[in-house]
Amino acid sequence: MPKYIIERTVPGAGRLGPQELQEIARTSNAVVDGLDSPYTWHQSFAAGDKIYCVHTAVSADVVREHARCGGFPADSVTEIGSEFGPWSA
């Protein structure tokens, strides 16, 4: 399945506290459990006024459905072409 990076504009995202992040996670997990399609949320990063998420799904449309059902913005949904890191050197 393709892996996607989702960019979400959330004012003050980088300053969200543990309880707020926990609630977002609970909502996301509940939506994932209710989807009629395979879906994996890998991780998210809150920085500045953005949240960047990495998810695996059968299509970008399913990623957008997850966002809609969870009440999350999805400003951009981009399929990851390749992954690399220090282990790639």
N, C-alpha and C. Protein backbone atom coordinates (compact mmCIF):
# COMPACT_ATOMS: atom_id res chain seq x y z
N MET A 1 0.84 -1.19 0.00
CA MET A 1 0.00 0.00 0.00
C MET A 1 0.88 1.24 0.00
N PRO A 2 0.42 2.29 -0.64
CA PRO A 2 1.18 3.54 -0.65
C PRO A 2 1.24 4.18 0.74
N LYS A 3 2.30 4.92 0.96
CA LYS A 3 2.47 5.68 2.20
C LYS A 3 2.35 7.16 1.83
N TYR A 4 1.71 7.94 2.69
CA TYR A 4 1.43 9.35 2.40
C TYR A 4 1.94 10.25 3.52
N ILE A 5 2.32 11.46 3.13
CA ILE A 5 2.56 12.54 4.09
C ILE A 5 1.37 13.48 3.99
N ILE A 6 0.79 13.77 5.14
CA ILE A 6 -0.37 14.67 5.20
C ILE A 6 0.08 15.93 5.94
N GLU A 7 -0.20 17.08 5.36
CA GLU A 7 0.09 18.36 6.00
C GLU A 7 -1.22 18.97 6.46
N ARG A 8 -1.27 19.30 7.74
CA ARG A 8 -2.49 19.87 8.34
C ARG A 8 -2.14 21.21 8.99
N THR A 9 -2.90 22.24 8.66
CA THR A 9 -2.72 23.52 9.32
C THR A 9 -3.57 23.54 10.58
N VAL A 10 -2.89 23.66 11.71
CA VAL A 10 -3.55 23.71 13.02
C VAL A 10 -2.85 24.81 13.80
N PRO A 11 -3.45 26.00 13.89
CA PRO A 11 -2.79 27.09 14.59
C PRO A 11 -2.33 26.67 15.99
N GLY A 12 -1.07 26.93 16.28
CA GLY A 12 -0.52 26.60 17.59
C GLY A 12 -0.20 25.12 17.78
N ALA A 13 -0.16 24.35 16.72
CA ALA A 13 0.04 22.90 16.82
C ALA A 13 1.28 22.54 17.63
N GLY A 14 2.36 23.26 17.43
CA GLY A 14 3.60 22.96 18.12
C GLY A 14 3.55 23.22 19.61
N ARG A 15 2.53 23.90 20.07
CA ARG A 15 2.37 24.20 21.49
C ARG A 15 1.26 23.36 22.14
N LEU A 16 0.68 22.42 21.40
CA LEU A 16 -0.36 21.58 21.98
C LEU A 16 0.21 20.74 23.11
N GLY A 17 -0.56 20.60 24.17
CA GLY A 17 -0.11 19.84 25.33
C GLY A 17 -0.42 18.36 25.20
N PRO A 18 0.08 17.56 26.13
CA PRO A 18 -0.11 16.12 26.08
C PRO A 18 -1.57 15.69 26.04
N GLN A 19 -2.43 16.36 26.78
CA GLN A 19 -3.85 15.99 26.78
C GLN A 19 -4.51 16.28 25.43
N GLU A 20 -4.16 17.40 24.83
CA GLU A 20 -4.72 17.74 23.52
C GLU A 20 -4.23 16.75 22.45
N LEU A 21 -2.95 16.40 22.51
CA LEU A 21 -2.41 15.44 21.55
C LEU A 21 -3.03 14.06 21.77
N GLN A 22 -3.26 13.71 23.01
CA GLN A 22 -3.90 12.43 23.32
C GLN A 22 -5.31 12.38 22.75
N GLU A 23 -6.04 13.45 22.84
CA GLU A 23 -7.40 13.49 22.29
C GLU A 23 -7.39 13.38 20.77
N ILE A 24 -6.45 14.06 20.13
CA ILE A 24 -6.31 13.93 18.68
C ILE A 24 -6.01 12.48 18.31
N ALA A 25 -5.10 11.86 19.05
CA ALA A 25 -4.74 10.46 18.78
C ALA A 25 -5.94 9.53 18.97
N ARG A 26 -6.70 9.75 20.03
CA ARG A 26 -7.89 8.91 20.26
C ARG A 26 -8.89 9.05 19.12
N THR A 27 -9.10 10.28 18.68
CA THR A 27 -10.03 10.50 17.57
C THR A 27 -9.53 9.81 16.31
N SER A 28 -8.25 9.96 16.01
CA SER A 28 -7.69 9.34 14.82
C SER A 28 -7.82 7.82 14.89
N ASN A 29 -7.46 7.24 16.03
CA ASN A 29 -7.56 5.79 16.18
C ASN A 29 -8.99 5.29 16.01
N ALA A 30 -9.96 6.02 16.55
CA ALA A 30 -11.36 5.63 16.41
C ALA A 30 -11.80 5.66 14.95
N VAL A 31 -11.35 6.68 14.23
CA VAL A 31 -11.70 6.76 12.80
C VAL A 31 -11.05 5.62 12.04
N VAL A 32 -9.78 5.34 12.32
CA VAL A 32 -9.09 4.23 11.64
C VAL A 32 -9.86 2.93 11.88
N ASP A 33 -10.30 2.69 13.12
CA ASP A 33 -11.04 1.47 13.45
C ASP A 33 -12.36 1.37 12.69
N GLY A 34 -12.93 2.52 12.31
CA GLY A 34 -14.21 2.53 11.63
C GLY A 34 -14.15 2.55 10.11
N LEU A 35 -12.95 2.68 9.56
CA LEU A 35 -12.81 2.71 8.11
C LEU A 35 -13.04 1.33 7.51
N ASP A 36 -13.60 1.29 6.32
CA ASP A 36 -13.83 0.02 5.62
C ASP A 36 -12.66 -0.34 4.71
N SER A 37 -11.48 0.14 5.06
CA SER A 37 -10.31 -0.04 4.22
C SER A 37 -9.09 -0.19 5.12
N PRO A 38 -8.09 -0.98 4.71
CA PRO A 38 -6.86 -1.06 5.50
C PRO A 38 -6.23 0.32 5.64
N TYR A 39 -5.74 0.60 6.83
CA TYR A 39 -5.22 1.94 7.10
C TYR A 39 -4.27 1.86 8.29
N THR A 40 -3.11 2.51 8.18
CA THR A 40 -2.18 2.58 9.30
C THR A 40 -1.71 4.01 9.49
N TRP A 41 -1.84 4.49 10.71
CA TRP A 41 -1.25 5.78 11.08
C TRP A 41 0.10 5.45 11.71
N HIS A 42 1.18 5.93 11.11
CA HIS A 42 2.51 5.61 11.59
C HIS A 42 2.98 6.58 12.67
N GLN A 43 2.94 7.88 12.37
CA GLN A 43 3.35 8.88 13.35
C GLN A 43 3.01 10.26 12.84
N SER A 44 3.08 11.21 13.77
CA SER A 44 2.80 12.60 13.43
C SER A 44 3.80 13.50 14.15
N PHE A 45 3.99 14.69 13.57
CA PHE A 45 4.89 15.68 14.12
C PHE A 45 4.15 17.01 14.19
N ALA A 46 4.16 17.66 15.34
CA ALA A 46 3.55 18.98 15.51
C ALA A 46 4.67 20.01 15.55
N ALA A 47 4.61 20.99 14.66
CA ALA A 47 5.65 22.01 14.58
C ALA A 47 5.02 23.31 14.10
N GLY A 48 5.25 24.37 14.86
CA GLY A 48 4.68 25.65 14.46
C GLY A 48 3.17 25.56 14.38
N ASP A 49 2.63 25.93 13.24
CA ASP A 49 1.17 25.88 13.03
C ASP A 49 0.78 24.71 12.12
N LYS A 50 1.58 23.66 12.12
CA LYS A 50 1.33 22.51 11.23
C LYS A 50 1.42 21.21 12.01
N ILE A 51 0.71 20.22 11.53
CA ILE A 51 0.90 18.83 11.94
C ILE A 51 1.19 18.06 10.66
N TYR A 52 2.27 17.29 10.68
CA TYR A 52 2.67 16.46 9.55
C TYR A 52 2.50 15.00 9.98
N CYS A 53 1.75 14.24 9.19
CA CYS A 53 1.44 12.86 9.54
C CYS A 53 1.92 11.93 8.44
N VAL A 54 2.27 10.71 8.83
CA VAL A 54 2.63 9.67 7.89
C VAL A 54 1.63 8.53 8.08
N HIS A 55 0.91 8.24 7.01
CA HIS A 55 -0.13 7.20 7.03
C HIS A 55 0.06 6.28 5.82
N THR A 56 -0.38 5.04 5.95
CA THR A 56 -0.45 4.10 4.84
C THR A 56 -1.91 3.80 4.58
N ALA A 57 -2.30 3.89 3.30
CA ALA A 57 -3.69 3.62 2.91
C ALA A 57 -3.71 3.19 1.45
N VAL A 58 -4.84 2.65 1.03
CA VAL A 58 -4.94 2.18 -0.36
C VAL A 58 -4.97 3.34 -1.34
N SER A 59 -5.37 4.53 -0.89
CA SER A 59 -5.43 5.68 -1.80
C SER A 59 -5.45 6.98 -1.00
N ALA A 60 -5.15 8.07 -1.69
CA ALA A 60 -5.22 9.39 -1.09
C ALA A 60 -6.67 9.73 -0.71
N ASP A 61 -7.63 9.19 -1.45
CA ASP A 61 -9.03 9.43 -1.12
C ASP A 61 -9.38 8.86 0.25
N VAL A 62 -8.82 7.71 0.59
CA VAL A 62 -9.08 7.12 1.91
C VAL A 62 -8.43 7.97 2.99
N VAL A 63 -7.26 8.53 2.71
CA VAL A 63 -6.61 9.44 3.66
C VAL A 63 -7.51 10.65 3.89
N ARG A 64 -8.07 11.19 2.83
CA ARG A 64 -8.96 12.35 2.96
C ARG A 64 -10.25 11.98 3.71
N GLU A 65 -10.74 10.76 3.52
CA GLU A 65 -11.92 10.29 4.25
C GLU A 65 -11.61 10.21 5.75
N HIS A 66 -10.43 9.72 6.09
CA HIS A 66 -10.01 9.68 7.50
C HIS A 66 -10.03 11.10 8.08
N ALA A 67 -9.47 12.06 7.35
CA ALA A 67 -9.45 13.44 7.81
C ALA A 67 -10.86 13.99 7.98
N ARG A 68 -11.72 13.74 6.99
CA ARG A 68 -13.09 14.24 7.06
C ARG A 68 -13.83 13.66 8.27
N CYS A 69 -13.73 12.36 8.46
CA CYS A 69 -14.44 11.70 9.56
C CYS A 69 -13.90 12.14 10.93
N GLY A 70 -12.61 12.45 10.99
CA GLY A 70 -12.02 12.88 12.25
C GLY A 70 -12.12 14.36 12.52
N GLY A 71 -12.57 15.11 11.50
CA GLY A 71 -12.64 16.56 11.66
C GLY A 71 -11.27 17.22 11.58
N PHE A 72 -10.33 16.54 10.90
CA PHE A 72 -8.97 17.06 10.77
C PHE A 72 -8.82 17.76 9.42
N PRO A 73 -8.06 18.86 9.38
CA PRO A 73 -7.72 19.42 8.07
C PRO A 73 -6.75 18.49 7.35
N ALA A 74 -6.78 18.53 6.04
CA ALA A 74 -5.81 17.81 5.21
C ALA A 74 -5.46 18.72 4.06
N ASP A 75 -4.57 19.67 4.33
CA ASP A 75 -4.21 20.69 3.34
C ASP A 75 -3.52 20.08 2.13
N SER A 76 -2.70 19.06 2.38
CA SER A 76 -2.10 18.33 1.26
C SER A 76 -1.92 16.88 1.67
N VAL A 77 -2.11 16.00 0.70
CA VAL A 77 -1.91 14.57 0.86
C VAL A 77 -1.00 14.16 -0.29
N THR A 78 0.23 13.77 0.04
CA THR A 78 1.23 13.48 -0.98
C THR A 78 1.76 12.07 -0.80
N GLU A 79 1.71 11.30 -1.88
CA GLU A 79 2.26 9.95 -1.82
C GLU A 79 3.79 10.02 -1.72
N ILE A 80 4.36 9.23 -0.83
CA ILE A 80 5.81 9.20 -0.65
C ILE A 80 6.41 8.37 -1.77
N GLY A 81 7.38 8.94 -2.46
CA GLY A 81 8.03 8.25 -3.56
C GLY A 81 9.13 7.31 -3.10
N SER A 82 9.89 7.73 -2.10
CA SER A 82 10.95 6.88 -1.56
C SER A 82 11.30 7.37 -0.17
N GLU A 83 11.94 6.51 0.59
CA GLU A 83 12.39 6.84 1.93
C GLU A 83 13.90 6.67 2.00
N PHE A 84 14.55 7.52 2.79
CA PHE A 84 15.99 7.40 2.99
C PHE A 84 16.33 8.01 4.32
N GLY A 85 17.52 7.75 4.77
CA GLY A 85 18.00 8.28 6.04
C GLY A 85 19.47 7.92 6.21
N PRO A 86 19.99 8.04 7.42
CA PRO A 86 21.39 7.75 7.65
C PRO A 86 21.78 6.33 7.24
N TRP A 87 20.84 5.41 7.36
CA TRP A 87 21.09 4.02 7.00
C TRP A 87 21.28 3.84 5.49
N SER A 88 20.91 4.85 4.70
CA SER A 88 20.99 4.76 3.25
C SER A 88 22.39 5.07 2.72
N ALA A 89 23.25 5.66 3.54
CA ALA A 89 24.57 6.11 3.09
C ALA A 89 25.47 4.95 2.73
